PDB file of N, CA and C in Angstrom:
ATOM      1  N   UNK A   1     120.156  83.795  75.247  1.00  0.00           N
ATOM      2  CA  UNK A   1     119.695  84.623  76.351  1.00  0.00           C
ATOM      3  C   UNK A   1     118.200  84.390  76.559  1.00  0.00           C
ATOM      4  N   UNK A   2     117.810  84.131  77.774  1.00  0.00           N
ATOM      5  CA  UNK A   2     116.400  83.875  78.059  1.00  0.00           C
ATOM      6  C   UNK A   2     115.626  85.188  78.135  1.00  0.00           C
ATOM      7  N   UNK A   3     114.340  85.088  77.867  1.00  0.00           N
ATOM      8  CA  UNK A   3     113.469  86.258  77.997  1.00  0.00           C
ATOM      9  C   UNK A   3     113.158  86.464  79.472  1.00  0.00           C
ATOM     10  N   UNK A   4     113.495  87.633  80.003  1.00  0.00           N
ATOM     11  CA  UNK A   4     113.166  87.921  81.387  1.00  0.00           C
ATOM     12  C   UNK A   4     111.734  88.419  81.465  1.00  0.00           C
ATOM     13  N   UNK A   5     111.104  88.134  82.566  1.00  0.00           N
ATOM     14  CA  UNK A   5     109.727  88.548  82.783  1.00  0.00           C
ATOM     15  C   UNK A   5     109.670  89.312  84.092  1.00  0.00           C
ATOM     16  N   UNK A   6     109.015  90.468  84.070  1.00  0.00           N
ATOM     17  CA  UNK A   6     108.916  91.323  85.244  1.00  0.00           C
ATOM     18  C   UNK A   6     107.457  91.505  85.634  1.00  0.00           C
ATOM     19  N   UNK A   7     107.216  91.459  86.938  1.00  0.00           N
ATOM     20  CA  UNK A   7     105.904  91.806  87.480  1.00  0.00           C
ATOM     21  C   UNK A   7     106.025  93.246  87.969  1.00  0.00           C
ATOM     22  N   UNK A   8     105.240  94.138  87.371  1.00  0.00           N
ATOM     23  CA  UNK A   8     105.297  95.559  87.694  1.00  0.00           C
ATOM     24  C   UNK A   8     104.026  95.925  88.457  1.00  0.00           C
ATOM     25  N   UNK A   9     104.203  96.447  89.661  1.00  0.00           N
ATOM     26  CA  UNK A   9     103.086  96.862  90.506  1.00  0.00           C
ATOM     27  C   UNK A   9     103.154  98.368  90.645  1.00  0.00           C
ATOM     28  N   UNK A  10     102.059  99.062  90.256  1.00  0.00           N
ATOM     29  CA  UNK A  10     102.063 100.522  90.316  1.00  0.00           C
ATOM     30  C   UNK A  10     100.693 101.061  90.698  1.00  0.00           C
ATOM     31  N   UNK A  11     100.694 102.288  91.194  1.00  0.00           N
ATOM     32  CA  UNK A  11      99.479 102.971  91.634  1.00  0.00           C
ATOM     33  C   UNK A  11      98.942 103.829  90.494  1.00  0.00           C
ATOM     34  N   UNK A  12      97.632 103.717  90.240  1.00  0.00           N
ATOM     35  CA  UNK A  12      96.994 104.486  89.175  1.00  0.00           C
ATOM     36  C   UNK A  12      95.560 104.794  89.590  1.00  0.00           C
ATOM     37  N   UNK A  13      95.228 106.070  89.803  1.00  0.00           N
ATOM     38  CA  UNK A  13      93.879 106.524  90.153  1.00  0.00           C
ATOM     39  C   UNK A  13      93.293 105.775  91.356  1.00  0.00           C
ATOM     40  N   UNK A  14      94.078 105.643  92.407  1.00  0.00           N
ATOM     41  CA  UNK A  14      93.595 105.015  93.636  1.00  0.00           C
ATOM     42  C   UNK A  14      93.512 103.501  93.585  1.00  0.00           C
ATOM     43  N   UNK A  15      94.099 102.914  92.564  1.00  0.00           N
ATOM     44  CA  UNK A  15      94.095 101.460  92.435  1.00  0.00           C
ATOM     45  C   UNK A  15      95.513 100.968  92.200  1.00  0.00           C
ATOM     46  N   UNK A  16      95.782  99.768  92.652  1.00  0.00           N
ATOM     47  CA  UNK A  16      97.071  99.123  92.437  1.00  0.00           C
ATOM     48  C   UNK A  16      96.934  98.186  91.244  1.00  0.00           C
ATOM     49  N   UNK A  17      97.741  98.401  90.223  1.00  0.00           N
ATOM     50  CA  UNK A  17      97.750  97.560  89.029  1.00  0.00           C
ATOM     51  C   UNK A  17      98.947  96.617  89.105  1.00  0.00           C
ATOM     52  N   UNK A  18      98.742  95.368  88.720  1.00  0.00           N
ATOM     53  CA  UNK A  18      99.817  94.388  88.622  1.00  0.00           C
ATOM     54  C   UNK A  18      99.835  93.874  87.187  1.00  0.00           C
ATOM     55  N   UNK A  19     100.890  94.231  86.459  1.00  0.00           N
ATOM     56  CA  UNK A  19     101.048  93.830  85.065  1.00  0.00           C
ATOM     57  C   UNK A  19     102.343  93.054  84.893  1.00  0.00           C
ATOM     58  N   UNK A  20     102.430  92.302  83.821  1.00  0.00           N
ATOM     59  CA  UNK A  20     103.642  91.565  83.488  1.00  0.00           C
ATOM     60  C   UNK A  20     104.206  92.122  82.196  1.00  0.00           C
ATOM     61  N   UNK A  21     105.541  92.301  82.168  1.00  0.00           N
ATOM     62  CA  UNK A  21     106.211  92.882  81.004  1.00  0.00           C
ATOM     63  C   UNK A  21     107.573  92.229  80.826  1.00  0.00           C
ATOM     64  N   UNK A  22     108.051  92.233  79.584  1.00  0.00           N
ATOM     65  CA  UNK A  22     109.360  91.672  79.297  1.00  0.00           C
ATOM     66  C   UNK A  22     110.452  92.734  79.306  1.00  0.00           C
ATOM     67  N   UNK A  23     110.070  94.008  79.259  1.00  0.00           N
ATOM     68  CA  UNK A  23     111.065  95.088  79.202  1.00  0.00           C
ATOM     69  C   UNK A  23     110.773  96.132  80.274  1.00  0.00           C
ATOM     70  N   UNK A  24     111.756  96.402  81.135  1.00  0.00           N
ATOM     71  CA  UNK A  24     111.676  97.465  82.132  1.00  0.00           C
ATOM     72  C   UNK A  24     113.026  98.178  82.138  1.00  0.00           C
ATOM     73  N   UNK A  25     113.001  99.509  82.025  1.00  0.00           N
ATOM     74  CA  UNK A  25     114.243 100.289  82.003  1.00  0.00           C
ATOM     75  C   UNK A  25     113.952 101.723  82.406  1.00  0.00           C
ATOM     76  N   UNK A  26     115.007 102.483  82.649  1.00  0.00           N
ATOM     77  CA  UNK A  26     114.846 103.915  82.885  1.00  0.00           C
ATOM     78  C   UNK A  26     114.384 104.553  81.589  1.00  0.00           C
ATOM     79  N   UNK A  27     113.441 105.459  81.690  1.00  0.00           N
ATOM     80  CA  UNK A  27     112.883 106.115  80.521  1.00  0.00           C
ATOM     81  C   UNK A  27     113.762 107.283  80.098  1.00  0.00           C
ATOM     82  N   UNK A  28     113.666 107.658  78.840  1.00  0.00           N
ATOM     83  CA  UNK A  28     114.336 108.862  78.348  1.00  0.00           C
ATOM     84  C   UNK A  28     113.671 110.109  78.933  1.00  0.00           C
ATOM     85  N   UNK A  29     112.435 109.960  79.394  1.00  0.00           N
ATOM     86  CA  UNK A  29     111.729 111.047  80.073  1.00  0.00           C
ATOM     87  C   UNK A  29     112.197 111.061  81.524  1.00  0.00           C
ATOM     88  N   UNK A  30     112.724 112.168  81.982  1.00  0.00           N
ATOM     89  CA  UNK A  30     113.294 112.252  83.321  1.00  0.00           C
ATOM     90  C   UNK A  30     112.234 111.966  84.383  1.00  0.00           C
ATOM     91  N   UNK A  31     112.537 111.083  85.328  1.00  0.00           N
ATOM     92  CA  UNK A  31     111.632 110.763  86.422  1.00  0.00           C
ATOM     93  C   UNK A  31     110.634 109.664  86.109  1.00  0.00           C
ATOM     94  N   UNK A  32     110.773 109.014  84.970  1.00  0.00           N
ATOM     95  CA  UNK A  32     109.837 107.972  84.563  1.00  0.00           C
ATOM     96  C   UNK A  32     110.571 106.644  84.366  1.00  0.00           C
ATOM     97  N   UNK A  33     109.822 105.556  84.499  1.00  0.00           N
ATOM     98  CA  UNK A  33     110.322 104.215  84.213  1.00  0.00           C
ATOM     99  C   UNK A  33     109.573 103.688  83.000  1.00  0.00           C
ATOM    100  N   UNK A  34     110.302 103.100  82.084  1.00  0.00           N
ATOM    101  CA  UNK A  34     109.740 102.582  80.835  1.00  0.00           C
ATOM    102  C   UNK A  34     109.391 101.107  81.004  1.00  0.00           C
ATOM    103  N   UNK A  35     108.143 100.763  80.711  1.00  0.00           N
ATOM    104  CA  UNK A  35     107.671  99.384  80.804  1.00  0.00           C
ATOM    105  C   UNK A  35     107.094  99.013  79.443  1.00  0.00           C
ATOM    106  N   UNK A  36     107.669  97.997  78.813  1.00  0.00           N
ATOM    107  CA  UNK A  36     107.232  97.631  77.463  1.00  0.00           C
ATOM    108  C   UNK A  36     107.066  96.134  77.302  1.00  0.00           C
ATOM    109  N   UNK A  37     106.552  95.758  76.154  1.00  0.00           N
ATOM    110  CA  UNK A  37     106.281  94.367  75.807  1.00  0.00           C
ATOM    111  C   UNK A  37     105.425  93.704  76.875  1.00  0.00           C
ATOM    112  N   UNK A  38     104.242  94.287  77.107  1.00  0.00           N
ATOM    113  CA  UNK A  38     103.309  93.763  78.105  1.00  0.00           C
ATOM    114  C   UNK A  38     102.852  92.364  77.715  1.00  0.00           C
ATOM    115  N   UNK A  39     102.663  91.513  78.723  1.00  0.00           N
ATOM    116  CA  UNK A  39     102.286  90.118  78.500  1.00  0.00           C
ATOM    117  C   UNK A  39     100.894  89.898  79.075  1.00  0.00           C
ATOM    118  N   UNK A  40      99.995  89.390  78.231  1.00  0.00           N
ATOM    119  CA  UNK A  40      98.636  89.064  78.661  1.00  0.00           C
ATOM    120  C   UNK A  40      98.342  87.617  78.312  1.00  0.00           C
ATOM    121  N   UNK A  41      97.459  86.976  79.095  1.00  0.00           N
ATOM    122  CA  UNK A  41      97.004  85.627  78.755  1.00  0.00           C
ATOM    123  C   UNK A  41      96.140  85.722  77.517  1.00  0.00           C
ATOM    124  N   UNK A  42      96.284  84.747  76.638  1.00  0.00           N
ATOM    125  CA  UNK A  42      95.469  84.714  75.422  1.00  0.00           C
ATOM    126  C   UNK A  42      94.488  83.568  75.548  1.00  0.00           C
ATOM    127  N   UNK A  43      93.207  83.925  75.632  1.00  0.00           N
ATOM    128  CA  UNK A  43      92.146  82.914  75.711  1.00  0.00           C
ATOM    129  C   UNK A  43      91.197  83.153  74.555  1.00  0.00           C
ATOM    130  N   UNK A  44      90.940  82.115  73.791  1.00  0.00           N
ATOM    131  CA  UNK A  44      89.956  82.207  72.718  1.00  0.00           C
ATOM    132  C   UNK A  44      88.611  81.762  73.257  1.00  0.00           C
ATOM    133  N   UNK A  45      87.571  82.481  72.866  1.00  0.00           N
ATOM    134  CA  UNK A  45      86.230  82.082  73.272  1.00  0.00           C
ATOM    135  C   UNK A  45      85.843  82.645  74.618  1.00  0.00           C
ATOM    136  N   UNK A  46      85.586  81.773  75.571  1.00  0.00           N
ATOM    137  CA  UNK A  46      85.081  82.141  76.883  1.00  0.00           C
ATOM    138  C   UNK A  46      86.092  82.980  77.664  1.00  0.00           C
ATOM    139  N   UNK A  47      85.631  84.075  78.252  1.00  0.00           N
ATOM    140  CA  UNK A  47      86.483  84.915  79.077  1.00  0.00           C
ATOM    141  C   UNK A  47      86.616  84.256  80.448  1.00  0.00           C
ATOM    142  N   UNK A  48      87.837  83.879  80.805  1.00  0.00           N
ATOM    143  CA  UNK A  48      88.078  83.184  82.065  1.00  0.00           C
ATOM    144  C   UNK A  48      88.279  84.184  83.195  1.00  0.00           C
ATOM    145  N   UNK A  49      89.026  85.255  82.939  1.00  0.00           N
ATOM    146  CA  UNK A  49      89.353  86.231  83.972  1.00  0.00           C
ATOM    147  C   UNK A  49      88.950  87.628  83.494  1.00  0.00           C
ATOM    148  N   UNK A  50      87.898  88.212  84.059  1.00  0.00           N
ATOM    149  CA  UNK A  50      87.460  89.536  83.609  1.00  0.00           C
ATOM    150  C   UNK A  50      88.491  90.631  83.883  1.00  0.00           C
ATOM    151  N   UNK A  51      89.319  90.475  84.923  1.00  0.00           N
ATOM    152  CA  UNK A  51      90.351  91.469  85.206  1.00  0.00           C
ATOM    153  C   UNK A  51      91.399  91.474  84.102  1.00  0.00           C
ATOM    154  N   UNK A  52      91.818  90.295  83.677  1.00  0.00           N
ATOM    155  CA  UNK A  52      92.794  90.180  82.593  1.00  0.00           C
ATOM    156  C   UNK A  52      92.230  90.797  81.309  1.00  0.00           C
ATOM    157  N   UNK A  53      90.954  90.556  81.046  1.00  0.00           N
ATOM    158  CA  UNK A  53      90.291  91.126  79.871  1.00  0.00           C
ATOM    159  C   UNK A  53      90.248  92.654  79.962  1.00  0.00           C
ATOM    160  N   UNK A  54      89.958  93.162  81.147  1.00  0.00           N
ATOM    161  CA  UNK A  54      89.905  94.617  81.345  1.00  0.00           C
ATOM    162  C   UNK A  54      91.280  95.252  81.137  1.00  0.00           C
ATOM    163  N   UNK A  55      92.324  94.609  81.661  1.00  0.00           N
ATOM    164  CA  UNK A  55      93.685  95.122  81.472  1.00  0.00           C
ATOM    165  C   UNK A  55      94.101  95.060  80.007  1.00  0.00           C
ATOM    166  N   UNK A  56      93.715  93.987  79.325  1.00  0.00           N
ATOM    167  CA  UNK A  56      94.032  93.869  77.903  1.00  0.00           C
ATOM    168  C   UNK A  56      93.318  94.946  77.103  1.00  0.00           C
ATOM    169  N   UNK A  57      92.066  95.262  77.473  1.00  0.00           N
ATOM    170  CA  UNK A  57      91.341  96.329  76.790  1.00  0.00           C
ATOM    171  C   UNK A  57      92.005  97.687  77.022  1.00  0.00           C
ATOM    172  N   UNK A  58      92.482  97.923  78.244  1.00  0.00           N
ATOM    173  CA  UNK A  58      93.084  99.213  78.587  1.00  0.00           C
ATOM    174  C   UNK A  58      94.498  99.367  78.021  1.00  0.00           C
ATOM    175  N   UNK A  59      95.307  98.305  78.096  1.00  0.00           N
ATOM    176  CA  UNK A  59      96.711  98.409  77.728  1.00  0.00           C
ATOM    177  C   UNK A  59      97.102  97.568  76.514  1.00  0.00           C
ATOM    178  N   UNK A  60      96.160  96.907  75.869  1.00  0.00           N
ATOM    179  CA  UNK A  60      96.470  95.992  74.777  1.00  0.00           C
ATOM    180  C   UNK A  60      97.187  96.632  73.609  1.00  0.00           C
ATOM    181  N   UNK A  61      96.848  97.852  73.250  1.00  0.00           N
ATOM    182  CA  UNK A  61      97.483  98.540  72.126  1.00  0.00           C
ATOM    183  C   UNK A  61      98.687  99.371  72.532  1.00  0.00           C
ATOM    184  N   UNK A  62      99.116  99.263  73.770  1.00  0.00           N
ATOM    185  CA  UNK A  62     100.213 100.078  74.287  1.00  0.00           C
ATOM    186  C   UNK A  62     101.549  99.425  73.961  1.00  0.00           C
ATOM    187  N   UNK A  63     102.434 100.182  73.324  1.00  0.00           N
ATOM    188  CA  UNK A  63     103.781  99.664  73.051  1.00  0.00           C
ATOM    189  C   UNK A  63     104.677  99.828  74.268  1.00  0.00           C
ATOM    190  N   UNK A  64     104.653 101.028  74.882  1.00  0.00           N
ATOM    191  CA  UNK A  64     105.498 101.312  76.036  1.00  0.00           C
ATOM    192  C   UNK A  64     104.731 102.189  77.019  1.00  0.00           C
ATOM    193  N   UNK A  65     104.770 101.828  78.294  1.00  0.00           N
ATOM    194  CA  UNK A  65     104.226 102.675  79.355  1.00  0.00           C
ATOM    195  C   UNK A  65     105.379 103.475  79.950  1.00  0.00           C
ATOM    196  N   UNK A  66     105.172 104.750  80.179  1.00  0.00           N
ATOM    197  CA  UNK A  66     106.136 105.572  80.903  1.00  0.00           C
ATOM    198  C   UNK A  66     105.478 105.914  82.231  1.00  0.00           C
ATOM    199  N   UNK A  67     105.885 105.215  83.285  1.00  0.00           N
ATOM    200  CA  UNK A  67     105.270 105.377  84.599  1.00  0.00           C
ATOM    201  C   UNK A  67     106.124 106.297  85.461  1.00  0.00           C
ATOM    202  N   UNK A  68     105.490 107.262  86.147  1.00  0.00           N
ATOM    203  CA  UNK A  68     106.257 108.098  87.076  1.00  0.00           C
ATOM    204  C   UNK A  68     106.880 107.220  88.166  1.00  0.00           C
ATOM    205  N   UNK A  69     108.137 107.495  88.491  1.00  0.00           N
ATOM    206  CA  UNK A  69     108.828 106.654  89.479  1.00  0.00           C
ATOM    207  C   UNK A  69     108.099 106.581  90.811  1.00  0.00           C
ATOM    208  N   UNK A  70     107.463 107.678  91.228  1.00  0.00           N
ATOM    209  CA  UNK A  70     106.783 107.682  92.524  1.00  0.00           C
ATOM    210  C   UNK A  70     105.508 106.843  92.520  1.00  0.00           C
ATOM    211  N   UNK A  71     104.987 106.466  91.347  1.00  0.00           N
ATOM    212  CA  UNK A  71     103.785 105.631  91.309  1.00  0.00           C
ATOM    213  C   UNK A  71     104.115 104.143  91.362  1.00  0.00           C
ATOM    214  N   UNK A  72     105.372 103.783  91.164  1.00  0.00           N
ATOM    215  CA  UNK A  72     105.760 102.373  91.150  1.00  0.00           C
ATOM    216  C   UNK A  72     105.925 101.872  92.581  1.00  0.00           C
ATOM    217  N   UNK A  73     105.237 100.781  92.873  1.00  0.00           N
ATOM    218  CA  UNK A  73     105.312 100.167  94.192  1.00  0.00           C
ATOM    219  C   UNK A  73     106.436  99.141  94.216  1.00  0.00           C
ATOM    220  N   UNK A  74     106.507  98.315  93.160  1.00  0.00           N
ATOM    221  CA  UNK A  74     107.488  97.233  93.139  1.00  0.00           C
ATOM    222  C   UNK A  74     107.672  96.724  91.714  1.00  0.00           C
ATOM    223  N   UNK A  75     108.896  96.291  91.413  1.00  0.00           N
ATOM    224  CA  UNK A  75     109.201  95.598  90.163  1.00  0.00           C
ATOM    225  C   UNK A  75     109.941  94.323  90.544  1.00  0.00           C
ATOM    226  N   UNK A  76     109.394  93.191  90.130  1.00  0.00           N
ATOM    227  CA  UNK A  76     109.985  91.895  90.458  1.00  0.00           C
ATOM    228  C   UNK A  76     110.346  91.153  89.177  1.00  0.00           C
ATOM    229  N   UNK A  77     111.485  90.480  89.163  1.00  0.00           N
ATOM    230  CA  UNK A  77     111.805  89.582  88.068  1.00  0.00           C
ATOM    231  C   UNK A  77     111.289  88.211  88.471  1.00  0.00           C
ATOM    232  N   UNK A  78     110.412  87.632  87.654  1.00  0.00           N
ATOM    233  CA  UNK A  78     109.745  86.379  88.001  1.00  0.00           C
ATOM    234  C   UNK A  78     110.057  85.290  86.986  1.00  0.00           C
ATOM    235  N   UNK A  79     109.840  84.049  87.391  1.00  0.00           N
ATOM    236  CA  UNK A  79     110.075  82.899  86.517  1.00  0.00           C
ATOM    237  C   UNK A  79     108.956  82.717  85.495  1.00  0.00           C
ATOM    238  N   UNK A  80     107.705  82.871  85.964  1.00  0.00           N
ATOM    239  CA  UNK A  80     106.569  82.683  85.058  1.00  0.00           C
ATOM    240  C   UNK A  80     105.468  83.680  85.395  1.00  0.00           C
ATOM    241  N   UNK A  81     104.584  83.875  84.445  1.00  0.00           N
ATOM    242  CA  UNK A  81     103.507  84.837  84.600  1.00  0.00           C
ATOM    243  C   UNK A  81     102.461  84.318  85.564  1.00  0.00           C
ATOM    244  N   UNK A  82     102.040  85.180  86.464  1.00  0.00           N
ATOM    245  CA  UNK A  82     100.944  84.870  87.366  1.00  0.00           C
ATOM    246  C   UNK A  82      99.692  85.592  86.884  1.00  0.00           C
ATOM    247  N   UNK A  83      98.767  85.779  87.773  1.00  0.00           N
ATOM    248  CA  UNK A  83      97.519  86.439  87.434  1.00  0.00           C
ATOM    249  C   UNK A  83      97.682  87.951  87.575  1.00  0.00           C
ATOM    250  N   UNK A  84      97.353  88.687  86.524  1.00  0.00           N
ATOM    251  CA  UNK A  84      97.346  90.145  86.597  1.00  0.00           C
ATOM    252  C   UNK A  84      96.178  90.569  87.474  1.00  0.00           C
ATOM    253  N   UNK A  85      96.289  91.747  88.080  1.00  0.00           N
ATOM    254  CA  UNK A  85      95.236  92.152  89.008  1.00  0.00           C
ATOM    255  C   UNK A  85      95.099  93.664  89.062  1.00  0.00           C
ATOM    256  N   UNK A  86      93.923  94.090  89.494  1.00  0.00           N
ATOM    257  CA  UNK A  86      93.658  95.476  89.850  1.00  0.00           C
ATOM    258  C   UNK A  86      93.106  95.425  91.267  1.00  0.00           C
ATOM    259  N   UNK A  87      93.755  96.132  92.185  1.00  0.00           N
ATOM    260  CA  UNK A  87      93.350  96.115  93.593  1.00  0.00           C
ATOM    261  C   UNK A  87      93.039  97.528  94.062  1.00  0.00           C
ATOM    262  N   UNK A  88      92.180  97.611  95.053  1.00  0.00           N
ATOM    263  CA  UNK A  88      91.903  98.887  95.684  1.00  0.00           C
ATOM    264  C   UNK A  88      93.118  99.255  96.530  1.00  0.00           C
ATOM    265  N   UNK A  89      93.611 100.485  96.394  1.00  0.00           N
ATOM    266  CA  UNK A  89      94.828 100.891  97.098  1.00  0.00           C
ATOM    267  C   UNK A  89      94.637 100.919  98.608  1.00  0.00           C
ATOM    268  N   UNK A  90      93.458 101.282  99.086  1.00  0.00           N
ATOM    269  CA  UNK A  90      93.222 101.403 100.531  1.00  0.00           C
ATOM    270  C   UNK A  90      93.060 100.043 101.208  1.00  0.00           C
ATOM    271  N   UNK A  91      92.275  99.152 100.600  1.00  0.00           N
ATOM    272  CA  UNK A  91      91.966  97.879 101.252  1.00  0.00           C
ATOM    273  C   UNK A  91      92.805  96.715 100.736  1.00  0.00           C
ATOM    274  N   UNK A  92      93.324  96.809  99.519  1.00  0.00           N
ATOM    275  CA  UNK A  92      94.083  95.715  98.933  1.00  0.00           C
ATOM    276  C   UNK A  92      93.222  94.644  98.308  1.00  0.00           C
ATOM    277  N   UNK A  93      91.896  94.834  98.352  1.00  0.00           N
ATOM    278  CA  UNK A  93      90.987  93.843  97.770  1.00  0.00           C
ATOM    279  C   UNK A  93      90.944  94.000  96.263  1.00  0.00           C
ATOM    280  N   UNK A  94      90.753  92.882  95.577  1.00  0.00           N
ATOM    281  CA  UNK A  94      90.654  92.925  94.125  1.00  0.00           C
ATOM    282  C   UNK A  94      89.416  93.698  93.706  1.00  0.00           C
ATOM    283  N   UNK A  95      89.580  94.520  92.678  1.00  0.00           N
ATOM    284  CA  UNK A  95      88.467  95.286  92.143  1.00  0.00           C
ATOM    285  C   UNK A  95      87.845  94.449  91.041  1.00  0.00           C
ATOM    286  N   UNK A  96      86.611  94.078  91.249  1.00  0.00           N
ATOM    287  CA  UNK A  96      85.899  93.258  90.278  1.00  0.00           C
ATOM    288  C   UNK A  96      84.749  94.075  89.738  1.00  0.00           C
ATOM    289  N   UNK A  97      84.673  94.164  88.418  1.00  0.00           N
ATOM    290  CA  UNK A  97      83.559  94.857  87.803  1.00  0.00           C
ATOM    291  C   UNK A  97      82.327  93.987  87.933  1.00  0.00           C
ATOM    292  N   UNK A  98      81.253  94.517  88.532  1.00  0.00           N
ATOM    293  CA  UNK A  98      80.062  93.687  88.712  1.00  0.00           C
ATOM    294  C   UNK A  98      79.433  93.335  87.371  1.00  0.00           C
ATOM    295  N   UNK A  99      78.843  92.156  87.338  1.00  0.00           N
ATOM    296  CA  UNK A  99      78.155  91.710  86.137  1.00  0.00           C
ATOM    297  C   UNK A  99      76.943  92.601  85.917  1.00  0.00           C
ATOM    298  N   UNK A 100      76.760  93.125  84.695  1.00  0.00           N
ATOM    299  CA  UNK A 100      75.622  94.029  84.476  1.00  0.00           C
ATOM    300  C   UNK A 100      74.289  93.288  84.647  1.00  0.00           C
ATOM    301  N   UNK A 101      73.433  93.874  85.444  1.00  0.00           N
ATOM    302  CA  UNK A 101      72.123  93.281  85.709  1.00  0.00           C
ATOM    303  C   UNK A 101      71.070  94.091  84.955  1.00  0.00           C
ATOM    304  N   UNK A 102      70.000  93.436  84.507  1.00  0.00           N
ATOM    305  CA  UNK A 102      68.934  94.178  83.834  1.00  0.00           C
ATOM    306  C   UNK A 102      68.249  95.148  84.798  1.00  0.00           C
ATOM    307  N   UNK A 103      67.745  96.221  84.253  1.00  0.00           N
ATOM    308  CA  UNK A 103      67.046  97.221  85.087  1.00  0.00           C
ATOM    309  C   UNK A 103      65.776  96.603  85.656  1.00  0.00           C
ATOM    310  N   UNK A 104      65.426  97.052  86.855  1.00  0.00           N
ATOM    311  CA  UNK A 104      64.216  96.541  87.497  1.00  0.00           C
ATOM    312  C   UNK A 104      62.990  97.098  86.772  1.00  0.00           C
ATOM    313  N   UNK A 105      61.993  96.248  86.538  1.00  0.00           N
ATOM    314  CA  UNK A 105      60.778  96.745  85.883  1.00  0.00           C
ATOM    315  C   UNK A 105      60.028  97.682  86.816  1.00  0.00           C
ATOM    316  N   UNK A 106      59.352  98.630  86.241  1.00  0.00           N
ATOM    317  CA  UNK A 106      58.588  99.594  87.052  1.00  0.00           C
ATOM    318  C   UNK A 106      57.202  99.126  87.304  1.00  0.00           C
TER     319      UNK A 106
END
């Protein structure tokens, strides 16, 4: 049996999250969907994608997400993993954390 891969798109605090997971099912908690075995790109050394790093920091230690059904936008079964993303819900643009700049001298 092959490992299925799902792209899960859901709304969280005014942002659209796109994550990849190997397990999606109805949760034992009524009104929730269970999303488990999250898949992240593994890069040693240089950080290639800051969004992927941010998602790994937020969800890396998570065994199972229980998402309210009304927050889920879409669940797709996909052939291979694409790029995870965080988008603004209103505009659909990717949310990029700005690179920290040094404070201006006085």
